[in-house]
């Protein structure tokens, strides 16, 4: 094998641009000093150009063809590797996006649950407060009923005038607990800046204020459990008309005085 035949295969690969590495460097060094091989290279390049426009043409040496096929076979794998890496990168990007989206969705769900829990806690607290208030009112009503139905409860009837409809009032009083309930009906309307005041007239001593009230449009009114001293025995109850702020002692003649019965 002469020097030109030694480089025949490499010239074919070089013409196609697939010769790499040390073999390419050795061939290029040889071409610098060999006009015959440079001419062969130009012919091979011309043949390669003709192959681009024809299905037939010069057939390269079998060894060159094998090496060229190996080079071509390696090239798609590199491309495939690049595409695989790019595809993996895209998948990682998508998975990362899905992970962030999933995390954001989970955070939103958690925030909604926390908000709903706070609302339920407030509603539960309000319900407990309402229940406690109702329970307290029920207890007070029970105590009131117990007091008014006890054997110690004393009843007083207050009447004014004899012309129907007669203003009337009824008082139920328990001295040992200071509990009083007063109900009135057919009361006349009051002058401006005036109020009815109920008085407890004790067996001895000065009258004790027992509550202020104004009748409604039907002339009805009520005083329930006013602040009274405990243990004061009542002789009777009376009603006067007083200034709207009330008085510490009667300032006018009673319009109604009760009798026990």
C-alpha atoms as a PDB file:
ATOM      1  CA  UNK A   1       0.000   0.000   0.000  1.00  0.00           C
ATOM      2  CA  UNK A   2       1.523   3.336  -1.060  1.00  0.00           C
ATOM      3  CA  UNK A   3       1.044   6.575   0.890  1.00  0.00           C
ATOM      4  CA  UNK A   4      -1.871   7.681  -1.308  1.00  0.00           C
ATOM      5  CA  UNK A   5      -3.771   4.417  -0.827  1.00  0.00           C
ATOM      6  CA  UNK A   6      -3.204   4.703   2.926  1.00  0.00           C
ATOM      7  CA  UNK A   7      -5.234   7.921   2.960  1.00  0.00           C
ATOM      8  CA  UNK A   8      -7.906   6.841   0.450  1.00  0.00           C
ATOM      9  CA  UNK A   9     -10.527   6.010   3.074  1.00  0.00           C
ATOM     10  CA  UNK A  10      -9.712   9.081   5.122  1.00  0.00           C
ATOM     11  CA  UNK A  11     -10.021  11.310   2.038  1.00  0.00           C
ATOM     12  CA  UNK A  12     -13.588  10.055   1.430  1.00  0.00           C
ATOM     13  CA  UNK A  13     -14.568  10.726   5.032  1.00  0.00           C
ATOM     14  CA  UNK A  14     -12.786  14.076   5.005  1.00  0.00           C
ATOM     15  CA  UNK A  15     -14.657  15.092   1.856  1.00  0.00           C
ATOM     16  CA  UNK A  16     -17.941  14.362   3.659  1.00  0.00           C
ATOM     17  CA  UNK A  17     -16.782  16.292   6.757  1.00  0.00           C
ATOM     18  CA  UNK A  18     -17.001  13.281   9.085  1.00  0.00           C
ATOM     19  CA  UNK A  19     -13.287  12.629   9.724  1.00  0.00           C
ATOM     20  CA  UNK A  20     -12.408  13.718  13.242  1.00  0.00           C
ATOM     21  CA  UNK A  21      -9.667  13.585  15.830  1.00  0.00           C
ATOM     22  CA  UNK A  22      -6.078  12.549  15.223  1.00  0.00           C
ATOM     23  CA  UNK A  23      -6.900  10.978  11.849  1.00  0.00           C
ATOM     24  CA  UNK A  24      -8.118  14.340  10.558  1.00  0.00           C
ATOM     25  CA  UNK A  25      -4.991  16.107  11.823  1.00  0.00           C
ATOM     26  CA  UNK A  26      -2.692  13.514  10.203  1.00  0.00           C
ATOM     27  CA  UNK A  27      -4.555  13.757   6.871  1.00  0.00           C
ATOM     28  CA  UNK A  28      -4.507  17.559   6.838  1.00  0.00           C
ATOM     29  CA  UNK A  29      -0.725  17.461   7.469  1.00  0.00           C
ATOM     30  CA  UNK A  30      -0.338  15.033   4.546  1.00  0.00           C
ATOM     31  CA  UNK A  31      -2.494  17.164   2.235  1.00  0.00           C
ATOM     32  CA  UNK A  32      -0.239  20.147   2.796  1.00  0.00           C
ATOM     33  CA  UNK A  33       2.586  18.290   1.023  1.00  0.00           C
ATOM     34  CA  UNK A  34       0.741  16.036  -1.406  1.00  0.00           C
ATOM     35  CA  UNK A  35      -0.740  17.568  -4.563  1.00  0.00           C
ATOM     36  CA  UNK A  36      -2.052  14.198  -5.773  1.00  0.00           C
ATOM     37  CA  UNK A  37      -4.129  13.652  -2.628  1.00  0.00           C
ATOM     38  CA  UNK A  38      -5.406  17.223  -2.807  1.00  0.00           C
ATOM     39  CA  UNK A  39      -6.584  16.537  -6.350  1.00  0.00           C
ATOM     40  CA  UNK A  40      -8.264  13.312  -5.224  1.00  0.00           C
ATOM     41  CA  UNK A  41      -9.968  15.272  -2.427  1.00  0.00           C
ATOM     42  CA  UNK A  42     -11.357  17.763  -4.931  1.00  0.00           C
ATOM     43  CA  UNK A  43     -12.717  14.949  -7.105  1.00  0.00           C
ATOM     44  CA  UNK A  44     -14.350  13.321  -4.064  1.00  0.00           C
ATOM     45  CA  UNK A  45     -15.957  16.614  -3.100  1.00  0.00           C
ATOM     46  CA  UNK A  46     -17.250  16.978  -6.650  1.00  0.00           C
ATOM     47  CA  UNK A  47     -18.683  13.458  -6.526  1.00  0.00           C
ATOM     48  CA  UNK A  48     -20.327  14.254  -3.164  1.00  0.00           C
ATOM     49  CA  UNK A  49     -21.962  17.281  -4.760  1.00  0.00           C
ATOM     50  CA  UNK A  50     -23.305  15.144  -7.608  1.00  0.00           C
ATOM     51  CA  UNK A  51     -24.688  12.631  -5.095  1.00  0.00           C
ATOM     52  CA  UNK A  52     -26.835  15.379  -3.651  1.00  0.00           C
ATOM     53  CA  UNK A  53     -28.718  15.608  -6.996  1.00  0.00           C
ATOM     54  CA  UNK A  54     -28.707  11.972  -8.118  1.00  0.00           C
ATOM     55  CA  UNK A  55     -29.654   8.602  -6.705  1.00  0.00           C
ATOM     56  CA  UNK A  56     -26.691   7.034  -8.473  1.00  0.00           C
ATOM     57  CA  UNK A  57     -23.042   8.009  -8.548  1.00  0.00           C
ATOM     58  CA  UNK A  58     -19.555   6.881  -7.714  1.00  0.00           C
ATOM     59  CA  UNK A  59     -19.458   4.282  -5.029  1.00  0.00           C
ATOM     60  CA  UNK A  60     -17.065   5.064  -2.213  1.00  0.00           C
ATOM     61  CA  UNK A  61     -14.706   2.359  -0.990  1.00  0.00           C
ATOM     62  CA  UNK A  62     -16.443  -0.203   1.242  1.00  0.00           C
ATOM     63  CA  UNK A  63     -14.248   0.600   4.203  1.00  0.00           C
ATOM     64  CA  UNK A  64     -15.035   4.314   3.834  1.00  0.00           C
ATOM     65  CA  UNK A  65     -18.711   3.489   3.548  1.00  0.00           C
ATOM     66  CA  UNK A  66     -18.614   1.449   6.783  1.00  0.00           C
ATOM     67  CA  UNK A  67     -16.789   4.177   8.655  1.00  0.00           C
ATOM     68  CA  UNK A  68     -19.194   6.756   7.265  1.00  0.00           C
ATOM     69  CA  UNK A  69     -22.205   4.700   8.380  1.00  0.00           C
ATOM     70  CA  UNK A  70     -20.701   4.334  11.825  1.00  0.00           C
ATOM     71  CA  UNK A  71     -20.189   8.091  11.990  1.00  0.00           C
ATOM     72  CA  UNK A  72     -23.728   8.722  10.795  1.00  0.00           C
ATOM     73  CA  UNK A  73     -25.072   6.146  13.282  1.00  0.00           C
ATOM     74  CA  UNK A  74     -23.286   7.920  16.110  1.00  0.00           C
ATOM     75  CA  UNK A  75     -24.603  11.336  15.122  1.00  0.00           C
ATOM     76  CA  UNK A  76     -28.332  10.633  15.654  1.00  0.00           C
ATOM     77  CA  UNK A  77     -27.559   9.219  19.061  1.00  0.00           C
ATOM     78  CA  UNK A  78     -25.930  12.485  20.036  1.00  0.00           C
ATOM     79  CA  UNK A  79     -28.980  14.305  18.691  1.00  0.00           C
ATOM     80  CA  UNK A  80     -31.228  11.849  20.473  1.00  0.00           C
ATOM     81  CA  UNK A  81     -29.307  12.409  23.677  1.00  0.00           C
ATOM     82  CA  UNK A  82     -29.686  16.158  23.227  1.00  0.00           C
ATOM     83  CA  UNK A  83     -33.381  15.747  22.475  1.00  0.00           C
ATOM     84  CA  UNK A  84     -33.775  13.381  25.427  1.00  0.00           C
ATOM     85  CA  UNK A  85     -32.058  15.881  27.704  1.00  0.00           C
ATOM     86  CA  UNK A  86     -34.205  18.686  26.320  1.00  0.00           C
ATOM     87  CA  UNK A  87     -37.304  16.540  26.726  1.00  0.00           C
ATOM     88  CA  UNK A  88     -36.331  15.647  30.271  1.00  0.00           C
ATOM     89  CA  UNK A  89     -35.739  19.309  30.939  1.00  0.00           C
ATOM     90  CA  UNK A  90     -39.197  20.119  29.570  1.00  0.00           C
ATOM     91  CA  UNK A  91     -40.729  17.351  31.694  1.00  0.00           C
ATOM     92  CA  UNK A  92     -38.874  18.621  34.735  1.00  0.00           C
ATOM     93  CA  UNK A  93     -40.192  22.095  33.962  1.00  0.00           C
ATOM     94  CA  UNK A  94     -43.733  20.735  33.606  1.00  0.00           C
ATOM     95  CA  UNK A  95     -43.417  18.611  36.732  1.00  0.00           C
ATOM     96  CA  UNK A  96     -41.982  21.583  38.595  1.00  0.00           C
ATOM     97  CA  UNK A  97     -44.886  23.714  37.372  1.00  0.00           C
ATOM     98  CA  UNK A  98     -47.362  21.030  38.426  1.00  0.00           C
ATOM     99  CA  UNK A  99     -45.660  20.717  41.804  1.00  0.00           C
ATOM    100  CA  UNK A 100     -45.906  24.486  42.348  1.00  0.00           C
ATOM    101  CA  UNK A 101     -49.503  24.479  41.145  1.00  0.00           C
ATOM    102  CA  UNK A 102     -50.297  21.592  43.456  1.00  0.00           C
ATOM    103  CA  UNK A 103     -48.603  23.327  46.370  1.00  0.00           C
ATOM    104  CA  UNK A 104     -50.512  26.553  45.627  1.00  0.00           C
ATOM    105  CA  UNK A 105     -53.794  24.642  45.410  1.00  0.00           C
ATOM    106  CA  UNK A 106     -53.048  22.866  48.687  1.00  0.00           C
ATOM    107  CA  UNK A 107     -52.238  26.209  50.331  1.00  0.00           C
ATOM    108  CA  UNK A 108     -55.520  27.689  49.097  1.00  0.00           C
ATOM    109  CA  UNK A 109     -57.432  24.693  50.455  1.00  0.00           C
ATOM    110  CA  UNK A 110     -55.671  25.022  53.815  1.00  0.00           C
ATOM    111  CA  UNK A 111     -56.464  28.751  53.989  1.00  0.00           C
ATOM    112  CA  UNK A 112     -60.116  28.082  53.129  1.00  0.00           C
ATOM    113  CA  UNK A 113     -60.297  25.386  55.798  1.00  0.00           C
ATOM    114  CA  UNK A 114     -58.706  27.699  58.367  1.00  0.00           C
ATOM    115  CA  UNK A 115     -61.148  30.462  57.453  1.00  0.00           C
ATOM    116  CA  UNK A 116     -64.081  28.060  57.609  1.00  0.00           C
ATOM    117  CA  UNK A 117     -62.838  26.759  60.958  1.00  0.00           C
ATOM    118  CA  UNK A 118     -62.621  30.330  62.297  1.00  0.00           C
ATOM    119  CA  UNK A 119     -66.180  30.993  61.114  1.00  0.00           C
ATOM    120  CA  UNK A 120     -67.409  27.788  62.734  1.00  0.00           C
ATOM    121  CA  UNK A 121     -65.585  28.671  65.955  1.00  0.00           C
ATOM    122  CA  UNK A 122     -67.202  32.123  65.979  1.00  0.00           C
ATOM    123  CA  UNK A 123     -70.618  30.639  65.266  1.00  0.00           C
ATOM    124  CA  UNK A 124     -70.080  28.061  68.010  1.00  0.00           C
ATOM    125  CA  UNK A 125     -68.976  30.783  70.417  1.00  0.00           C
ATOM    126  CA  UNK A 126     -72.038  32.874  69.529  1.00  0.00           C
ATOM    127  CA  UNK A 127     -74.273  29.844  69.958  1.00  0.00           C
ATOM    128  CA  UNK A 128     -72.711  29.136  73.346  1.00  0.00           C
ATOM    129  CA  UNK A 129     -73.171  32.781  74.338  1.00  0.00           C
ATOM    130  CA  UNK A 130     -76.797  32.706  73.198  1.00  0.00           C
ATOM    131  CA  UNK A 131     -77.341  29.428  75.015  1.00  0.00           C
ATOM    132  CA  UNK A 132     -75.759  30.801  78.190  1.00  0.00           C
ATOM    133  CA  UNK A 133     -77.896  33.953  77.967  1.00  0.00           C
ATOM    134  CA  UNK A 134     -81.045  31.917  77.435  1.00  0.00           C
ATOM    135  CA  UNK A 135     -80.096  29.647  80.304  1.00  0.00           C
ATOM    136  CA  UNK A 136     -79.598  32.664  82.573  1.00  0.00           C
ATOM    137  CA  UNK A 137     -82.958  34.106  81.523  1.00  0.00           C
ATOM    138  CA  UNK A 138     -84.604  30.762  82.134  1.00  0.00           C
ATOM    139  CA  UNK A 139     -83.040  30.588  85.581  1.00  0.00           C
ATOM    140  CA  UNK A 140     -84.248  34.105  86.401  1.00  0.00           C
ATOM    141  CA  UNK A 141     -87.741  33.280  85.167  1.00  0.00           C
ATOM    142  CA  UNK A 142     -87.765  30.111  87.283  1.00  0.00           C
ATOM    143  CA  UNK A 143     -86.616  32.010  90.360  1.00  0.00           C
ATOM    144  CA  UNK A 144     -89.262  34.649  89.689  1.00  0.00           C
ATOM    145  CA  UNK A 145     -92.015  32.058  89.345  1.00  0.00           C
ATOM    146  CA  UNK A 146     -90.805  30.287  92.488  1.00  0.00           C
ATOM    147  CA  UNK A 147     -90.888  33.581  94.385  1.00  0.00           C
ATOM    148  CA  UNK A 148     -94.335  34.607  93.138  1.00  0.00           C
ATOM    149  CA  UNK A 149     -95.842  31.211  93.876  1.00  0.00           C
ATOM    150  CA  UNK A 150     -94.233  30.856  97.284  1.00  0.00           C
ATOM    151  CA  UNK A 151     -96.440  31.012 100.398  1.00  0.00           C
ATOM    152  CA  UNK A 152     -94.609  34.228 101.407  1.00  0.00           C
ATOM    153  CA  UNK A 153     -95.830  36.168  98.337  1.00  0.00           C
ATOM    154  CA  UNK A 154     -98.278  38.966  99.221  1.00  0.00           C
ATOM    155  CA  UNK A 155    -100.682  40.462  96.623  1.00  0.00           C
ATOM    156  CA  UNK A 156    -101.823  44.069  96.405  1.00  0.00           C
ATOM    157  CA  UNK A 157    -104.529  45.581  94.180  1.00  0.00           C
ATOM    158  CA  UNK A 158    -104.351  49.244  93.117  1.00  0.00           C
ATOM    159  CA  UNK A 159    -107.432  50.965  91.653  1.00  0.00           C
ATOM    160  CA  UNK A 160    -108.075  54.565  90.580  1.00  0.00           C
ATOM    161  CA  UNK A 161    -111.540  56.052  90.031  1.00  0.00           C
ATOM    162  CA  UNK A 162    -114.810  54.301  89.416  1.00  0.00           C
ATOM    163  CA  UNK A 163    -115.493  55.234  85.780  1.00  0.00           C
ATOM    164  CA  UNK A 164    -114.666  52.509  83.236  1.00  0.00           C
ATOM    165  CA  UNK A 165    -112.146  51.828  82.013  1.00  0.00           C
ATOM    166  CA  UNK A 166    -110.706  51.898  85.523  1.00  0.00           C
ATOM    167  CA  UNK A 167    -106.915  52.174  85.832  1.00  0.00           C
ATOM    168  CA  UNK A 168    -105.804  49.129  87.765  1.00  0.00           C
ATOM    169  CA  UNK A 169    -102.572  47.684  89.081  1.00  0.00           C
ATOM    170  CA  UNK A 170    -101.559  44.429  90.751  1.00  0.00           C
ATOM    171  CA  UNK A 171     -98.411  43.924  92.805  1.00  0.00           C
ATOM    172  CA  UNK A 172     -96.970  40.619  94.024  1.00  0.00           C
ATOM    173  CA  UNK A 173     -94.258  41.061  96.654  1.00  0.00           C
ATOM    174  CA  UNK A 174     -91.957  38.697  98.595  1.00  0.00           C
ATOM    175  CA  UNK A 175     -90.334  40.633 101.442  1.00  0.00           C
ATOM    176  CA  UNK A 176     -87.624  38.088 102.386  1.00  0.00           C
ATOM    177  CA  UNK A 177     -86.122  38.187  98.875  1.00  0.00           C
ATOM    178  CA  UNK A 178     -87.136  41.759  97.916  1.00  0.00           C
ATOM    179  CA  UNK A 179     -88.869  40.390  94.788  1.00  0.00           C
ATOM    180  CA  UNK A 180     -91.630  42.515  93.251  1.00  0.00           C
ATOM    181  CA  UNK A 181     -93.730  42.148  90.087  1.00  0.00           C
ATOM    182  CA  UNK A 182     -96.179  44.913  89.202  1.00  0.00           C
ATOM    183  CA  UNK A 183     -98.645  44.898  86.265  1.00  0.00           C
ATOM    184  CA  UNK A 184    -100.975  47.757  85.301  1.00  0.00           C
ATOM    185  CA  UNK A 185    -103.621  48.421  82.644  1.00  0.00           C
ATOM    186  CA  UNK A 186    -105.948  51.189  81.491  1.00  0.00           C
ATOM    187  CA  UNK A 187    -103.468  53.830  82.602  1.00  0.00           C
ATOM    188  CA  UNK A 188    -104.003  57.306  81.096  1.00  0.00           C
ATOM    189  CA  UNK A 189    -101.307  58.816  78.895  1.00  0.00           C
ATOM    190  CA  UNK A 190     -98.723  60.969  80.652  1.00  0.00           C
ATOM    191  CA  UNK A 191     -98.004  64.673  80.082  1.00  0.00           C
ATOM    192  CA  UNK A 192     -94.671  65.460  78.366  1.00  0.00           C
ATOM    193  CA  UNK A 193     -91.553  64.915  80.480  1.00  0.00           C
ATOM    194  CA  UNK A 194     -93.502  63.002  83.113  1.00  0.00           C
ATOM    195  CA  UNK A 195     -93.309  59.390  84.299  1.00  0.00           C
ATOM    196  CA  UNK A 196     -95.228  57.108  86.637  1.00  0.00           C
ATOM    197  CA  UNK A 197     -93.313  56.068  89.738  1.00  0.00           C
ATOM    198  CA  UNK A 198     -94.202  53.090  91.915  1.00  0.00           C
ATOM    199  CA  UNK A 199     -93.608  53.309  95.672  1.00  0.00           C
ATOM    200  CA  UNK A 200     -93.289  50.687  98.350  1.00  0.00           C
ATOM    201  CA  UNK A 201     -94.963  52.033 101.492  1.00  0.00           C
ATOM    202  CA  UNK A 202     -93.314  50.195 104.410  1.00  0.00           C
ATOM    203  CA  UNK A 203     -94.927  49.442 107.705  1.00  0.00           C
ATOM    204  CA  UNK A 204     -92.725  52.147 109.140  1.00  0.00           C
ATOM    205  CA  UNK A 205     -90.506  54.762 107.580  1.00  0.00           C
ATOM    206  CA  UNK A 206     -90.492  56.758 104.338  1.00  0.00           C
ATOM    207  CA  UNK A 207     -91.777  55.480 100.959  1.00  0.00           C
ATOM    208  CA  UNK A 208     -89.172  53.530  98.958  1.00  0.00           C
ATOM    209  CA  UNK A 209     -88.868  54.066  95.146  1.00  0.00           C
ATOM    210  CA  UNK A 210     -89.907  50.816  93.454  1.00  0.00           C
ATOM    211  CA  UNK A 211     -89.498  51.621  89.747  1.00  0.00           C
ATOM    212  CA  UNK A 212     -90.381  54.032  86.915  1.00  0.00           C
ATOM    213  CA  UNK A 213     -92.687  53.153  84.024  1.00  0.00           C
ATOM    214  CA  UNK A 214     -94.672  54.554  81.080  1.00  0.00           C
ATOM    215  CA  UNK A 215     -97.770  52.863  79.691  1.00  0.00           C
ATOM    216  CA  UNK A 216     -97.939  51.761  76.068  1.00  0.00           C
ATOM    217  CA  UNK A 217    -100.630  52.844  73.621  1.00  0.00           C
ATOM    218  CA  UNK A 218    -103.083  50.428  75.246  1.00  0.00           C
ATOM    219  CA  UNK A 219    -102.394  51.842  78.731  1.00  0.00           C
ATOM    220  CA  UNK A 220    -100.459  48.758  79.936  1.00  0.00           C
ATOM    221  CA  UNK A 221     -97.176  48.769  81.847  1.00  0.00           C
ATOM    222  CA  UNK A 222     -95.032  46.494  84.022  1.00  0.00           C
ATOM    223  CA  UNK A 223     -92.265  46.675  86.625  1.00  0.00           C
ATOM    224  CA  UNK A 224     -90.383  43.413  87.215  1.00  0.00           C
ATOM    225  CA  UNK A 225     -87.840  42.844  89.984  1.00  0.00           C
ATOM    226  CA  UNK A 226     -86.754  46.438  90.709  1.00  0.00           C
ATOM    227  CA  UNK A 227     -83.859  47.061  93.089  1.00  0.00           C
ATOM    228  CA  UNK A 228     -85.408  46.829  96.550  1.00  0.00           C
ATOM    229  CA  UNK A 229     -83.904  46.215  99.954  1.00  0.00           C
ATOM    230  CA  UNK A 230     -84.393  42.687 101.246  1.00  0.00           C
ATOM    231  CA  UNK A 231     -86.625  41.989 104.224  1.00  0.00           C
ATOM    232  CA  UNK A 232     -88.709  45.181 104.149  1.00  0.00           C
ATOM    233  CA  UNK A 233     -92.328  44.508 105.096  1.00  0.00           C
ATOM    234  CA  UNK A 234     -94.737  46.397 102.867  1.00  0.00           C
ATOM    235  CA  UNK A 235     -97.875  48.070 104.159  1.00  0.00           C
ATOM    236  CA  UNK A 236     -99.049  48.893 100.624  1.00  0.00           C
ATOM    237  CA  UNK A 237     -97.940  50.239  97.245  1.00  0.00           C
ATOM    238  CA  UNK A 238     -98.758  53.575  95.582  1.00  0.00           C
ATOM    239  CA  UNK A 239     -98.271  55.371  92.251  1.00  0.00           C
ATOM    240  CA  UNK A 240     -97.467  59.031  91.665  1.00  0.00           C
ATOM    241  CA  UNK A 241     -96.686  61.145  88.612  1.00  0.00           C
ATOM    242  CA  UNK A 242     -93.106  62.428  88.771  1.00  0.00           C
ATOM    243  CA  UNK A 243     -90.549  64.201  86.560  1.00  0.00           C
ATOM    244  CA  UNK A 244     -89.186  61.815  83.892  1.00  0.00           C
ATOM    245  CA  UNK A 245     -85.944  61.251  85.832  1.00  0.00           C
ATOM    246  CA  UNK A 246     -87.930  60.056  88.864  1.00  0.00           C
ATOM    247  CA  UNK A 247     -87.829  61.295  92.439  1.00  0.00           C
ATOM    248  CA  UNK A 248     -86.269  60.093  95.673  1.00  0.00           C
ATOM    249  CA  UNK A 249     -89.509  60.942  97.483  1.00  0.00           C
ATOM    250  CA  UNK A 250     -93.068  61.528  96.209  1.00  0.00           C
ATOM    251  CA  UNK A 251     -93.633  65.082  94.896  1.00  0.00           C
ATOM    252  CA  UNK A 252     -97.380  64.749  94.254  1.00  0.00           C
ATOM    253  CA  UNK A 253    -100.416  63.043  95.685  1.00  0.00           C
ATOM    254  CA  UNK A 254    -100.731  59.338  94.802  1.00  0.00           C
ATOM    255  CA  UNK A 255    -103.156  58.637  91.960  1.00  0.00           C
ATOM    256  CA  UNK A 256    -103.442  54.966  92.969  1.00  0.00           C
ATOM    257  CA  UNK A 257    -103.007  53.278  96.357  1.00  0.00           C
ATOM    258  CA  UNK A 258    -103.152  49.537  96.853  1.00  0.00           C
ATOM    259  CA  UNK A 259    -104.908  47.335  99.318  1.00  0.00           C
ATOM    260  CA  UNK A 260    -103.738  43.891 100.296  1.00  0.00           C
ATOM    261  CA  UNK A 261    -105.860  41.086  98.954  1.00  0.00           C
END
